[in-house]
Structure formats: C-alpha cells, structure tokens
C-alpha cells in the first residue's frame, strides 16, 4: 500500500511539471542541452573493462557529449576490478561526482544510498514531459517499467535500461568444430560435458579446456544451472531458485556439489590453476591461442574476430545432471536498473536528467554503444565509425576494426565509446522498427547511411549474429519462465540489514570457495562452512529474499 501511495504521489508531482527549467538550459531542441555562451561543469565517473582499459581523453562519447550537449564534462575511469572499493570510498566520504556509470547498483544499494543516506538523487520529480519525454515514451510503451524502477518510498534512484532482446542469460560456448572432427555430440549432460573437457585435455596437455576465471569469461553460472540452480550469478551469492524454492546457492547445502565439481576440474587441469586470480586479458589469450574447448565468454567473436575462427564455436546446450534431471536456460530481464545514477548533491539535477534522456532517443540510444556513421561529422576525427559493405545495406563493420587498430568490435567499443562494457547499462536503443524491436538500431544505421531500410538480416559470418543464431538453436528451446525476479525492493530497515549481512557473508563465501576448490580447505569441512554461514545470519538473509519473492 505504501508503495502504491508513494508512486501515486510521484505521478502527481510529475504531472504538475512545477519545476522551472534553469535559465542556462535550452528547452527548444534536444541538443544542445546547455545554451551557447553558458559554461556548466558536470563530473562523471565510469567503470571500465579490465581487458580494454582506456583513458577518458581517448573516449569519443565523452567528447561528443561535450560538444553536442555543450557541457564541460570532467571524466574519471575506474577499473571494474576496483569498482566496489571505489564505490565504498565515495559513499563513506560523501564525495560523489555528478554522474556514476557502470557500478551496477542493486536495489539494496539504491535503497541504502538513495532512500536512507540520501546520497543518490531521486529523479522521480524530473520525470516530466519537459525534462524526460523520451524516457516517458518508453515507460508508456512498456508499463512494467515504472513499478520496477520505483523504490518503496516513491523515489527513483537510478536511470534504467530497457532491452527487447531475447535476454542475457548465463552463456557458455563450445568449440563445435573440434567436436565434429572427433565425432563427439554436443553435450547434454554434465557428465558428457566433463568427458568432453577430458578428451580435449588428453589430446592437448598444455590446454585449459574450460576457459575462464572469476575475472573474465566465468563459466560457473552455467555449471550452477546444470546442478539445478536457476541463476545468472556465477559466484552463487545472489538470490535464485531451486526446486521452486528461494535459495542463495553458495549458502545452500547443495553447493557442496558445485565445490566438488570445480575441485575435480581444478585437480585435473580442466580449469586454470589461476582460476581465482587470472586477469581478463590472460583469459582471452587462452582462447586466441586455441587452448580451450569451452568458455563462458560473452560471445566468441569478442576474442576471435575472424569469421573462420568464431564460426567454429557454438552456444552450448543447457545441461542436466544427477542433481537436476531437466535441463533449462535462464533468460535475463528486460528492465535493468543501477547502471547510471546521480549525486543528490549535484547543482544541476535537471541537466543530468536531460543528459540521461538523450540516450533514450534514437540517435543517443545508437551512439552510446555503436557510435556514429563513418561519413558523419560526429566522428570528430577521433574514431572511424561504422560503415556498410559496398553494395550492401545489411553487412556493416567498424572501420577501426577493419583497419586493425582494434582486434574486435567489442574492444573498439570498450576503448572508444562505452568503457563500462555493457549495452544494457542505461537507455534504450531499439525502438525504431516495431516489427523488429530487437534490432531497431539497424534501421537507424541504414537510414543514416542513406540506404534502404530493411532492418536486421542475420548472418553466420558476422560475429554478433553467429552466436545469437546458435543460442537460438541450442539454448532458447530450454528457457525457463520460473526465475527469481531481476528487480525486488526492500524497506529501509530491511535494506540496511541485508547490507550488513552481505558485508559479512560475501567475503567469507569468496575466500572459502577458493580454498575448497584449490584444496587449501578439505571438502570434508563443508558442514563446518555451513555452520559458519549460519552463525553469520545466512538463513536470515535467505528469508529476506524468500519474503520478497512471495510478495512479487
């Protein structure tokens, strides 16, 4: 009831449009946002991929925002491996930049830093036709969005993302070309998968058959689903379902099977001896060097840009096991929150909302991930942009990849456009064609290039298509609809307690998991591990999520 009343109040506030626009803002057109002759400084911190680190001055998007929006944008990058530490330091000190991008703030953090500590800006009063027309358009088209982005107090503490793709579940790819060569069928059970890894290891003693580490291409989420956990979290510390009951895998009695499996892989050299320390660049190198037959990579073309190489890989089938007799695939949510947030201490809340809203329009939604057409002045001479192959209106490529400047499209994007490394972090780029919503951006690209707008045509020789086609064939028939919701909210008191519990439990899970798998701690002590978690309040933590699931 409280959330309904709060949401009603927010809607009434938004409807009044009572917040007068600052004199420095241009309200007559989308760009520029700040009037000529005015100088407004905006500070921003963005996470960046450890595998493709970049300097802020080399990122085209930041410079484009400066020029197109007419803002003095001051940017800092922080590696994703250090983002939690940096987030904690910012929140403890209270010294936040205006904009935070890529920190993945979940609902407990949004409640803590927004509702409770008032460090994050509540953007709900600014979600009006005056400031946020594009965002309101998305919320009108998809009415499920507003309840998911609204906290129990009626506040909205982050910018959302809406994605119409078929979902981002845990991924696992196998080198199907090698399987075909050896006459091995695509594994359908965990035992078959393990035997595949062993066969590859026997033939290639110097290999790491299951590519990945905790820092990149982590395959553990797929293995957890094989054991019956409906989850997308490889670390096993997020709420999930198992046998229709709410669990946190790493706090569950069945987690011992995951530890046994991973220790077996570790002992037999089927995963890296440095699984818990290996950096993303080294993980990627293993794939490039042909040392793997399976990987948790986001897509093979990210490491293997040549069609002759990435076409050897296919999305794995979901696996059944002795603990799980029905294979299933977990589909990601369409609404994501916490990817962009603002400081409550900002002097320019209206401006920040306008900046975010640009990325919910057609041009901004495309530019935040793909950047501009190669022939456009918007390249600013900083990047090559994208082009269509001569004579084609469906085959396109990135000039900076074609020239050899970057090894893959993903590397180019992370290095020059979106350092945070995720297309689903904020905004909405797929509303061009109502008949092909998942690839509407292609229609806009064709339109920008002056070509006939025919939309997306899937091609096996294009990396971002190839993996999707194999996922559609091998994984999507197994999609489960019974999942723990992507977004759930808690009261202020609950959020505070959840954060307290997680602060104690998560580091313990991380360190003890590593000890069990590497043999530092014997598996026989698993019962003691469970008792340690019990003493830390593990069941209390699970109960919070079970209660939220019942109310969902």
Protein backbone atom coordinates (compact mmCIF):
# COMPACT_ATOMS: atom_id res chain seq x y z
CA UNK A 1 0.00 0.00 0.00
CA UNK A 2 2.80 2.39 0.92
CA UNK A 3 4.49 1.86 -2.43
CA UNK A 4 1.20 2.45 -4.28
CA UNK A 5 0.60 5.72 -2.36
CA UNK A 6 4.18 6.84 -2.93
CA UNK A 7 4.01 6.06 -6.63
CA UNK A 8 0.72 7.96 -6.92
CA UNK A 9 2.32 10.99 -5.27
CA UNK A 10 5.28 10.86 -7.64
CA UNK A 11 2.96 10.68 -10.65
CA UNK A 12 1.03 13.70 -9.38
CA UNK A 13 4.25 15.62 -8.86
CA UNK A 14 5.44 14.72 -12.34
CA UNK A 15 2.12 15.72 -13.84
CA UNK A 16 2.32 19.24 -12.40
CA UNK A 17 5.61 19.97 -14.16
CA UNK A 18 6.19 22.55 -11.43
CA UNK A 19 9.99 22.51 -11.59
CA UNK A 20 11.08 25.51 -13.63
CA UNK A 21 13.92 24.92 -16.06
CA UNK A 22 17.20 26.64 -15.20
CA UNK A 23 17.94 29.69 -17.34
CA UNK A 24 21.07 28.11 -18.81
CA UNK A 25 19.19 25.16 -20.35
CA UNK A 26 17.99 25.05 -23.94
CA UNK A 27 14.43 23.75 -23.87
CA UNK A 28 13.67 24.32 -27.57
CA UNK A 29 15.52 21.32 -29.00
CA UNK A 30 17.15 18.05 -27.93
CA UNK A 31 20.67 19.41 -28.50
CA UNK A 32 22.49 21.35 -27.29
CA UNK A 33 21.22 20.94 -23.74
CA UNK A 34 23.10 23.98 -22.43
CA UNK A 35 22.69 27.28 -24.25
CA UNK A 36 25.57 28.76 -26.20
CA UNK A 37 27.68 31.10 -24.11
CA UNK A 38 26.98 29.22 -20.87
CA UNK A 39 29.57 27.03 -19.12
CA UNK A 40 28.28 24.29 -16.86
CA UNK A 41 30.67 21.72 -15.43
CA UNK A 42 29.49 18.12 -14.98
CA UNK A 43 31.65 15.50 -13.26
CA UNK A 44 31.36 11.83 -14.21
CA UNK A 45 32.98 8.57 -13.13
CA UNK A 46 32.66 5.45 -15.25
CA UNK A 47 33.80 1.90 -14.69
CA UNK A 48 35.91 0.41 -17.45
CA UNK A 49 36.74 -3.06 -18.65
CA UNK A 50 39.92 -4.53 -17.20
CA UNK A 51 40.55 -6.22 -20.53
CA UNK A 52 40.29 -2.99 -22.54
CA UNK A 53 41.26 -0.07 -20.28
CA UNK A 54 41.19 3.37 -21.80
CA UNK A 55 41.96 6.98 -20.94
CA UNK A 56 38.99 9.36 -20.66
CA UNK A 57 40.54 11.68 -23.23
CA UNK A 58 40.52 8.84 -25.78
CA UNK A 59 36.81 8.06 -25.42
CA UNK A 60 34.82 9.50 -28.29
CA UNK A 61 31.50 9.51 -26.40
CA UNK A 62 32.76 11.88 -23.72
CA UNK A 63 33.99 14.36 -26.31
CA UNK A 64 30.78 14.03 -28.31
CA UNK A 65 28.78 14.84 -25.17
CA UNK A 66 30.94 17.89 -24.52
CA UNK A 67 30.38 19.29 -27.99
CA UNK A 68 26.82 18.18 -28.77
CA UNK A 69 25.40 18.94 -25.33
CA UNK A 70 27.63 21.99 -24.73
CA UNK A 71 28.79 20.85 -21.29
CA UNK A 72 32.16 20.99 -19.57
CA UNK A 73 32.41 17.25 -18.86
CA UNK A 74 35.13 16.12 -16.45
CA UNK A 75 35.58 12.32 -16.55
CA UNK A 76 37.38 9.73 -14.44
CA UNK A 77 37.65 5.97 -15.10
CA UNK A 78 37.92 3.15 -12.54
CA UNK A 79 38.68 -0.46 -13.40
CA UNK A 80 35.79 -2.86 -12.86
CA UNK A 81 38.02 -4.96 -10.59
CA UNK A 82 38.28 -1.95 -8.27
CA UNK A 83 34.77 -0.54 -8.63
CA UNK A 84 33.36 -1.87 -5.33
CA UNK A 85 36.26 -0.44 -3.35
CA UNK A 86 35.89 2.90 -5.11
CA UNK A 87 32.12 2.94 -4.59
CA UNK A 88 32.55 2.32 -0.88
CA UNK A 89 35.14 5.11 -0.60
CA UNK A 90 32.85 7.56 -2.39
CA UNK A 91 29.88 6.72 -0.22
CA UNK A 92 31.82 6.82 3.06
CA UNK A 93 33.38 10.17 2.19
CA UNK A 94 30.23 11.60 0.63
CA UNK A 95 32.37 12.86 -2.24
CA UNK A 96 30.42 11.80 -5.34
CA UNK A 97 30.69 13.09 -8.89
CA UNK A 98 27.51 14.26 -10.60
CA UNK A 99 27.15 11.04 -12.65
CA UNK A 100 28.09 7.45 -11.86
CA UNK A 101 28.08 4.92 -14.72
CA UNK A 102 28.53 1.16 -14.67
CA UNK A 103 28.55 0.49 -10.93
CA UNK A 104 25.64 -1.97 -11.10
CA UNK A 105 23.77 -0.66 -8.07
CA UNK A 106 21.25 -3.27 -6.98
CA UNK A 107 18.05 -2.43 -5.12
CA UNK A 108 19.60 -2.77 -1.65
CA UNK A 109 22.31 -0.27 -2.59
CA UNK A 110 19.81 2.06 -4.21
CA UNK A 111 17.70 1.99 -1.05
CA UNK A 112 20.72 2.44 1.19
CA UNK A 113 22.40 5.23 -0.76
CA UNK A 114 19.16 6.75 -2.04
CA UNK A 115 16.26 6.32 0.38
CA UNK A 116 18.29 6.07 3.59
CA UNK A 117 21.51 8.05 3.19
CA UNK A 118 20.13 10.49 0.59
CA UNK A 119 23.38 10.40 -1.39
CA UNK A 120 21.76 9.45 -4.70
CA UNK A 121 19.42 11.84 -6.46
CA UNK A 122 15.73 10.97 -6.60
CA UNK A 123 14.93 11.68 -10.25
CA UNK A 124 11.20 10.99 -9.93
CA UNK A 125 10.24 14.71 -9.73
CA UNK A 126 12.09 15.31 -13.00
CA UNK A 127 10.39 12.56 -15.00
CA UNK A 128 8.14 15.04 -16.81
CA UNK A 129 7.39 15.84 -20.44
CA UNK A 130 9.57 18.91 -20.01
CA UNK A 131 12.72 17.06 -18.99
CA UNK A 132 12.21 13.40 -19.84
CA UNK A 133 9.97 12.93 -22.91
CA UNK A 134 11.96 10.03 -24.34
CA UNK A 135 12.04 8.20 -21.03
CA UNK A 136 8.31 8.69 -20.54
CA UNK A 137 7.72 7.34 -24.03
CA UNK A 138 9.47 4.09 -23.11
CA UNK A 139 7.51 3.85 -19.84
CA UNK A 140 4.26 4.38 -21.70
CA UNK A 141 5.14 1.73 -24.28
CA UNK A 142 6.23 -0.71 -21.57
CA UNK A 143 4.09 -0.09 -18.46
CA UNK A 144 6.00 -2.68 -16.43
CA UNK A 145 8.98 -0.31 -16.25
CA UNK A 146 7.80 2.31 -13.75
CA UNK A 147 6.93 -0.07 -10.88
CA UNK A 148 10.30 -1.80 -11.30
CA UNK A 149 12.32 1.42 -11.14
CA UNK A 150 10.35 2.90 -8.23
CA UNK A 151 11.52 2.31 -4.65
CA UNK A 152 9.05 1.79 -1.78
CA UNK A 153 9.35 5.47 -0.80
CA UNK A 154 8.30 6.51 -4.31
CA UNK A 155 11.80 7.56 -5.30
CA UNK A 156 13.63 6.63 -8.48
CA UNK A 157 17.33 6.50 -7.68
CA UNK A 158 18.86 5.39 -10.96
CA UNK A 159 18.38 5.60 -14.70
CA UNK A 160 17.02 2.39 -16.18
CA UNK A 161 17.71 0.42 -19.31
CA UNK A 162 15.12 -1.40 -21.38
CA UNK A 163 16.19 -4.17 -23.70
CA UNK A 164 13.91 -6.05 -26.08
CA UNK A 165 16.50 -8.68 -26.93
CA UNK A 166 15.75 -12.31 -26.10
CA UNK A 167 17.57 -11.88 -22.83
CA UNK A 168 21.02 -12.06 -21.38
CA UNK A 169 21.33 -15.35 -19.53
CA UNK A 170 24.50 -17.15 -18.45
CA UNK A 171 26.43 -18.10 -21.56
CA UNK A 172 28.68 -20.99 -22.38
CA UNK A 173 30.21 -21.73 -25.75
CA UNK A 174 31.90 -24.88 -27.03
CA UNK A 175 34.24 -25.42 -29.95
CA UNK A 176 31.79 -27.36 -32.08
CA UNK A 177 34.24 -27.71 -34.96
CA UNK A 178 36.54 -29.78 -32.73
CA UNK A 179 33.60 -31.87 -31.51
CA UNK A 180 32.55 -32.60 -35.09
CA UNK A 181 36.09 -33.53 -36.02
CA UNK A 182 36.20 -36.04 -33.16
CA UNK A 183 32.69 -37.34 -33.69
CA UNK A 184 31.53 -36.08 -30.30
CA UNK A 185 27.94 -34.88 -29.94
CA UNK A 186 27.16 -31.56 -28.30
CA UNK A 187 26.99 -32.39 -24.55
CA UNK A 188 23.54 -32.56 -22.99
CA UNK A 189 24.53 -33.74 -19.51
CA UNK A 190 27.13 -32.54 -17.05
CA UNK A 191 28.90 -35.91 -17.27
CA UNK A 192 29.14 -35.61 -21.05
CA UNK A 193 30.44 -32.08 -20.71
CA UNK A 194 33.14 -33.24 -18.29
CA UNK A 195 34.16 -36.06 -20.61
CA UNK A 196 34.45 -33.55 -23.45
CA UNK A 197 36.85 -31.46 -21.36
CA UNK A 198 38.89 -34.54 -20.51
CA UNK A 199 39.11 -35.62 -24.15
CA UNK A 200 40.39 -32.20 -25.17
CA UNK A 201 42.91 -32.20 -22.32
CA UNK A 202 44.17 -35.66 -23.28
CA UNK A 203 44.79 -34.50 -26.84
CA UNK A 204 46.16 -31.11 -25.78
CA UNK A 205 48.07 -31.50 -22.48
CA UNK A 206 49.06 -27.82 -22.48
CA UNK A 207 45.41 -26.70 -22.72
CA UNK A 208 42.91 -25.18 -20.30
CA UNK A 209 39.77 -26.89 -21.66
CA UNK A 210 37.24 -24.79 -19.73
CA UNK A 211 38.30 -21.21 -20.36
CA UNK A 212 37.52 -18.54 -17.80
CA UNK A 213 38.25 -17.14 -14.36
CA UNK A 214 36.44 -15.09 -11.75
CA UNK A 215 37.74 -12.01 -13.62
CA UNK A 216 36.57 -12.92 -17.10
CA UNK A 217 34.57 -15.48 -19.10
CA UNK A 218 33.45 -17.01 -15.79
CA UNK A 219 31.66 -20.30 -16.62
CA UNK A 220 30.33 -21.03 -13.14
CA UNK A 221 26.77 -19.76 -13.68
CA UNK A 222 26.22 -22.31 -16.43
CA UNK A 223 27.52 -25.08 -14.19
CA UNK A 224 25.24 -23.95 -11.37
CA UNK A 225 22.24 -24.21 -13.69
CA UNK A 226 23.31 -27.75 -14.56
CA UNK A 227 23.09 -28.51 -10.84
CA UNK A 228 19.54 -27.14 -10.71
CA UNK A 229 20.06 -23.54 -9.60
CA UNK A 230 18.04 -21.03 -11.62
CA UNK A 231 20.60 -18.24 -11.55
CA UNK A 232 22.74 -15.95 -13.69
CA UNK A 233 25.31 -15.36 -10.94
CA UNK A 234 28.45 -17.46 -11.16
CA UNK A 235 29.60 -16.52 -7.67
CA UNK A 236 26.43 -18.02 -6.23
CA UNK A 237 25.75 -15.12 -3.88
CA UNK A 238 22.56 -13.74 -5.43
CA UNK A 239 19.04 -14.95 -4.77
CA UNK A 240 18.00 -17.83 -7.03
CA UNK A 241 15.50 -20.67 -7.27
CA UNK A 242 16.00 -24.38 -6.86
CA UNK A 243 13.09 -26.80 -6.98
CA UNK A 244 10.81 -23.71 -6.92
CA UNK A 245 12.25 -22.56 -3.59
CA UNK A 246 14.28 -19.40 -2.95
CA UNK A 247 17.93 -20.10 -2.21
CA UNK A 248 21.28 -18.38 -2.36
CA UNK A 249 23.40 -21.10 -3.99
CA UNK A 250 26.62 -20.55 -2.03
CA UNK A 251 24.63 -20.69 1.22
CA UNK A 252 22.73 -23.83 0.23
CA UNK A 253 23.54 -27.40 1.27
CA UNK A 254 23.62 -28.44 -2.40
CA UNK A 255 26.53 -26.08 -3.05
CA UNK A 256 28.86 -28.86 -1.99
CA UNK A 257 28.24 -30.48 -5.38
CA UNK A 258 29.47 -27.33 -7.12
CA UNK A 259 32.59 -27.29 -4.96
CA UNK A 260 33.27 -30.96 -5.68
CA UNK A 261 32.84 -30.39 -9.42
CA UNK A 262 35.11 -27.36 -9.53
CA UNK A 263 37.75 -29.07 -7.39
CA UNK A 264 37.66 -32.03 -9.76
CA UNK A 265 38.18 -29.67 -12.69
CA UNK A 266 40.97 -27.89 -10.81
CA UNK A 267 42.77 -31.11 -9.87
CA UNK A 268 42.57 -32.49 -13.41
CA UNK A 269 43.73 -29.24 -15.02
CA UNK A 270 40.40 -28.72 -16.77
CA UNK A 271 40.27 -25.12 -15.49
CA UNK A 272 43.14 -22.73 -14.95
CA UNK A 273 45.39 -23.23 -11.96
CA UNK A 274 44.96 -19.46 -11.53
CA UNK A 275 41.17 -19.50 -11.78
CA UNK A 276 40.75 -17.06 -8.88
CA UNK A 277 43.45 -14.59 -9.91
CA UNK A 278 43.82 -14.75 -13.70
CA UNK A 279 43.06 -11.39 -15.33
CA UNK A 280 40.70 -10.99 -18.26
CA UNK A 281 43.43 -10.33 -20.84
CA UNK A 282 45.17 -13.62 -19.99
CA UNK A 283 41.83 -15.45 -20.11
CA UNK A 284 41.13 -14.08 -23.57
CA UNK A 285 44.61 -15.07 -24.70
CA UNK A 286 43.87 -18.72 -23.91
CA UNK A 287 41.02 -18.68 -26.42
CA UNK A 288 43.10 -16.89 -29.04
CA UNK A 289 45.87 -19.48 -28.63
CA UNK A 290 43.43 -22.37 -29.14
CA UNK A 291 43.86 -23.73 -25.63
CA UNK A 292 40.14 -24.06 -24.84
CA UNK A 293 37.19 -26.15 -25.97
CA UNK A 294 34.60 -24.36 -23.82
CA UNK A 295 34.29 -20.81 -22.48
CA UNK A 296 31.97 -18.54 -20.55
CA UNK A 297 32.78 -15.70 -22.95
CA UNK A 298 30.04 -13.23 -23.76
CA UNK A 299 30.49 -14.18 -27.43
CA UNK A 300 33.35 -15.94 -29.25
CA UNK A 301 33.88 -13.12 -31.74
CA UNK A 302 35.00 -10.88 -28.88
CA UNK A 303 38.22 -12.87 -28.67
CA UNK A 304 38.20 -14.33 -32.20
CA UNK A 305 37.18 -11.59 -34.67
CA UNK A 306 37.79 -13.59 -37.86
CA UNK A 307 34.75 -15.47 -39.14
CA UNK A 308 36.83 -18.57 -39.80
CA UNK A 309 37.61 -18.68 -36.07
CA UNK A 310 34.39 -17.62 -34.32
CA UNK A 311 32.28 -19.84 -36.58
CA UNK A 312 33.99 -22.86 -35.02
CA UNK A 313 32.17 -22.09 -31.76
CA UNK A 314 28.52 -22.61 -30.86
CA UNK A 315 26.40 -21.90 -27.83
CA UNK A 316 26.25 -24.92 -25.53
CA UNK A 317 23.06 -26.73 -24.75
CA UNK A 318 21.78 -26.43 -21.17
CA UNK A 319 22.95 -29.41 -19.13
CA UNK A 320 21.15 -31.85 -16.89
CA UNK A 321 22.91 -33.74 -14.10
CA UNK A 322 22.45 -36.24 -11.29
CA UNK A 323 21.16 -33.32 -9.21
CA UNK A 324 18.93 -31.89 -11.94
CA UNK A 325 17.05 -34.13 -14.36
CA UNK A 326 15.64 -31.34 -16.52
CA UNK A 327 17.98 -29.01 -18.41
CA UNK A 328 16.92 -25.34 -18.57
CA UNK A 329 18.21 -22.00 -19.80
CA UNK A 330 17.85 -18.81 -17.74
CA UNK A 331 16.72 -15.71 -19.59
CA UNK A 332 17.75 -12.24 -18.47
CA UNK A 333 15.39 -9.43 -17.52
CA UNK A 334 14.26 -6.69 -19.89
CA UNK A 335 14.45 -3.88 -17.30
CA UNK A 336 17.82 -3.17 -15.72
CA UNK A 337 18.48 -0.56 -13.04
CA UNK A 338 21.51 0.84 -11.26
CA UNK A 339 23.71 1.37 -14.31
CA UNK A 340 23.58 5.17 -14.14
CA UNK A 341 22.91 7.24 -11.04
CA UNK A 342 23.33 10.85 -9.96
CA UNK A 343 24.65 12.54 -6.84
CA UNK A 344 21.96 14.11 -4.66
CA UNK A 345 24.42 16.95 -4.02
CA UNK A 346 24.53 17.96 -7.67
CA UNK A 347 23.78 21.58 -8.51
CA UNK A 348 22.24 20.58 -11.84
CA UNK A 349 19.60 17.84 -11.40
CA UNK A 350 17.54 18.96 -14.38
CA UNK A 351 20.60 18.93 -16.62
CA UNK A 352 21.62 15.43 -15.52
CA UNK A 353 18.17 14.06 -16.33
CA UNK A 354 18.26 15.70 -19.76
CA UNK A 355 21.68 14.15 -20.39
CA UNK A 356 20.35 10.69 -19.50
CA UNK A 357 17.19 11.15 -21.56
CA UNK A 358 19.24 11.78 -24.69
CA UNK A 359 20.22 8.10 -24.57
CA UNK A 360 16.56 7.06 -24.72
CA UNK A 361 16.15 8.67 -28.14
CA UNK A 362 17.03 7.06 -31.44
CA UNK A 363 20.32 8.82 -32.04
CA UNK A 364 21.53 8.76 -28.44
CA UNK A 365 20.46 5.17 -27.98
CA UNK A 366 22.52 4.16 -31.01
CA UNK A 367 25.52 6.34 -30.22
CA UNK A 368 26.01 5.09 -26.64
CA UNK A 369 27.08 1.69 -27.97
CA UNK A 370 27.69 1.80 -31.71
CA UNK A 371 28.81 5.38 -32.24
CA UNK A 372 28.36 7.35 -35.48
CA UNK A 373 28.38 6.55 -39.18
CA UNK A 374 31.87 6.76 -40.66
CA UNK A 375 30.85 9.56 -43.04
CA UNK A 376 29.32 11.69 -40.30
CA UNK A 377 30.99 14.77 -38.83
CA UNK A 378 30.05 13.27 -35.48
CA UNK A 379 33.15 11.04 -35.62
CA UNK A 380 35.01 14.23 -34.60
CA UNK A 381 38.11 12.77 -36.20
CA UNK A 382 38.51 10.53 -33.12
CA UNK A 383 37.08 7.22 -34.35
CA UNK A 384 36.45 5.59 -37.68
CA UNK A 385 32.76 4.93 -37.09
CA UNK A 386 30.78 2.15 -38.73
CA UNK A 387 30.21 1.53 -42.45
CA UNK A 388 28.16 -0.79 -44.61
CA UNK A 389 29.98 -3.02 -47.04
CA UNK A 390 29.90 -1.72 -50.60
CA UNK A 391 26.69 -2.78 -52.33
CA UNK A 392 25.09 -3.97 -49.09
CA UNK A 393 22.59 -2.42 -46.72
CA UNK A 394 22.82 -5.25 -44.15
CA UNK A 395 26.53 -6.00 -43.77
CA UNK A 396 28.27 -3.38 -41.64
CA UNK A 397 31.58 -3.17 -39.83
CA UNK A 398 33.63 -0.87 -37.61
CA UNK A 399 36.34 1.00 -39.52
CA UNK A 400 38.74 0.83 -36.56
CA UNK A 401 38.46 -2.95 -36.52
CA UNK A 402 38.79 -3.28 -40.29
CA UNK A 403 41.98 -1.18 -40.17
CA UNK A 404 43.46 -3.38 -37.47
CA UNK A 405 43.50 -0.65 -34.84
CA UNK A 406 41.44 -2.87 -32.52
CA UNK A 407 41.20 -6.67 -32.54
CA UNK A 408 37.41 -6.84 -32.28
CA UNK A 409 34.24 -4.77 -32.31
CA UNK A 410 33.90 -5.19 -28.55
CA UNK A 411 37.47 -3.99 -27.99
CA UNK A 412 36.80 -0.92 -30.12
CA UNK A 413 33.56 -0.15 -28.27
CA UNK A 414 35.12 -0.50 -24.80
CA UNK A 415 38.17 1.53 -25.79
CA UNK A 416 36.48 4.43 -27.55
CA UNK A 417 32.71 4.52 -26.93
CA UNK A 418 31.41 2.66 -23.88
CA UNK A 419 34.24 1.92 -21.42
CA UNK A 420 31.79 0.34 -18.96
CA UNK A 421 31.38 -2.51 -21.48
CA UNK A 422 27.63 -3.17 -21.43
CA UNK A 423 24.99 -2.21 -23.99
CA UNK A 424 22.22 -2.75 -21.43
CA UNK A 425 23.54 -0.33 -18.77
CA UNK A 426 21.21 2.62 -19.40
CA UNK A 427 18.98 3.99 -22.13
CA UNK A 428 17.04 2.33 -24.93
CA UNK A 429 18.35 1.85 -28.46
CA UNK A 430 15.84 -0.47 -30.04
CA UNK A 431 12.58 1.34 -30.70
CA UNK A 432 12.96 2.17 -34.40
CA UNK A 433 11.05 -0.67 -36.01
CA UNK A 434 8.01 -2.04 -34.17
CA UNK A 435 8.17 -5.21 -36.29
CA UNK A 436 11.78 -5.92 -35.34
CA UNK A 437 12.23 -4.33 -31.93
CA UNK A 438 15.34 -6.29 -31.02
CA UNK A 439 17.32 -4.73 -33.84
CA UNK A 440 15.67 -1.39 -34.48
CA UNK A 441 19.08 0.29 -34.29
CA UNK A 442 19.99 -1.30 -37.63
CA UNK A 443 17.13 0.55 -39.28
CA UNK A 444 18.52 3.83 -37.99
CA UNK A 445 22.01 2.94 -39.24
CA UNK A 446 20.60 2.24 -42.69
CA UNK A 447 18.69 5.50 -42.62
CA UNK A 448 21.78 7.48 -41.56
CA UNK A 449 23.80 5.92 -44.37
CA UNK A 450 21.12 6.79 -46.94
CA UNK A 451 20.28 3.15 -47.64
CA UNK A 452 17.01 1.28 -47.99
CA UNK A 453 15.72 0.45 -44.52
CA UNK A 454 15.22 -3.28 -44.48
CA UNK A 455 16.19 -3.97 -40.87
CA UNK A 456 18.29 -6.76 -39.48
CA UNK A 457 19.32 -9.80 -41.54
CA UNK A 458 21.15 -12.44 -39.53
CA UNK A 459 24.43 -13.72 -40.97
CA UNK A 460 26.66 -16.52 -39.77
CA UNK A 461 29.74 -14.65 -40.96
CA UNK A 462 29.02 -11.69 -38.65
CA UNK A 463 30.24 -12.27 -35.10
CA UNK A 464 27.38 -10.69 -33.19
CA UNK A 465 24.89 -12.68 -35.26
CA UNK A 466 26.66 -16.02 -35.26
CA UNK A 467 26.50 -16.58 -31.50
CA UNK A 468 22.88 -15.42 -31.33
CA UNK A 469 21.88 -17.86 -34.05
CA UNK A 470 23.48 -20.78 -32.22
CA UNK A 471 21.92 -19.70 -28.92
CA UNK A 472 18.52 -19.55 -30.59
CA UNK A 473 19.03 -23.12 -31.79
CA UNK A 474 20.74 -24.74 -28.80
CA UNK A 475 19.61 -22.84 -25.69
CA UNK A 476 16.39 -20.93 -26.24
CA UNK A 477 14.16 -24.04 -26.56
CA UNK A 478 15.02 -24.72 -22.92
CA UNK A 479 14.12 -21.30 -21.49
CA UNK A 480 12.50 -21.46 -18.07
CA UNK A 481 9.89 -18.89 -17.05
CA UNK A 482 10.27 -19.64 -13.36
CA UNK A 483 13.06 -17.30 -12.26
CA UNK A 484 13.82 -15.09 -9.29
CA UNK A 485 12.78 -11.56 -10.33
CA UNK A 486 15.51 -9.33 -11.65
CA UNK A 487 14.31 -6.42 -9.50
CA UNK A 488 12.91 -6.62 -5.98
CA UNK A 489 12.74 -3.89 -3.35
CA UNK A 490 13.01 -3.94 0.42
CA UNK A 491 12.11 -1.48 3.16
CA UNK A 492 14.78 0.84 4.51
CA UNK A 493 15.30 -1.30 7.62
CA UNK A 494 15.44 -4.48 5.54
CA UNK A 495 17.94 -2.96 3.12
CA UNK A 496 20.20 -1.85 5.96
CA UNK A 497 20.14 -5.33 7.49
CA UNK A 498 20.69 -7.04 4.12
CA UNK A 499 23.75 -4.87 3.54
CA UNK A 500 25.06 -5.74 6.99
CA UNK A 501 24.62 -9.45 6.35
CA UNK A 502 26.14 -9.34 2.89
CA UNK A 503 29.14 -7.40 4.17
CA UNK A 504 29.91 -10.32 6.48
CA UNK A 505 28.83 -13.25 4.32
CA UNK A 506 30.05 -12.45 0.80
CA UNK A 507 33.78 -12.14 1.58
CA UNK A 508 33.60 -15.38 3.56
CA UNK A 509 31.92 -17.20 0.67
CA UNK A 510 34.52 -15.86 -1.76
CA UNK A 511 37.56 -16.88 0.28
CA UNK A 512 36.25 -20.26 1.41
CA UNK A 513 35.05 -21.19 -2.07
CA UNK A 514 38.56 -20.58 -3.38
CA UNK A 515 40.03 -22.63 -0.54
CA UNK A 516 37.74 -25.59 -1.15
CA UNK A 517 38.37 -25.65 -4.90
CA UNK A 518 42.14 -25.27 -4.67
CA UNK A 519 42.39 -27.85 -1.88
CA UNK A 520 43.55 -25.46 0.83
CA UNK A 521 40.46 -26.48 2.78
CA UNK A 522 39.17 -30.05 2.52
CA UNK A 523 35.66 -30.63 1.20
CA UNK A 524 35.03 -32.68 4.35
CA UNK A 525 34.77 -29.36 6.20
CA UNK A 526 31.73 -28.25 4.19
CA UNK A 527 29.43 -28.81 7.19
CA UNK A 528 31.65 -26.51 9.22
CA UNK A 529 31.44 -23.94 6.44
CA UNK A 530 27.64 -24.12 6.55
CA UNK A 531 27.75 -23.65 10.35
CA UNK A 532 29.95 -20.58 9.89
CA UNK A 533 27.41 -19.12 7.46
CA UNK A 534 24.56 -19.95 9.82
CA UNK A 535 26.32 -18.05 12.60
CA UNK A 536 26.70 -15.06 10.27
CA UNK A 537 22.95 -14.97 9.59
CA UNK A 538 22.73 -16.83 6.28
CA UNK A 539 19.19 -18.06 6.86
CA UNK A 540 18.05 -14.57 7.81
CA UNK A 541 19.45 -13.30 4.52
CA UNK A 542 17.69 -16.01 2.51
CA UNK A 543 14.44 -15.30 4.35
CA UNK A 544 14.50 -11.68 3.21
CA UNK A 545 14.60 -12.78 -0.42
CA UNK A 546 12.02 -15.52 0.10
CA UNK A 547 9.63 -12.97 1.58
CA UNK A 548 10.21 -10.60 -1.35
CA UNK A 549 9.58 -13.44 -3.81
CA UNK A 550 6.29 -14.32 -2.15
CA UNK A 551 5.17 -10.69 -2.40
CA UNK A 552 6.31 -10.27 -6.03
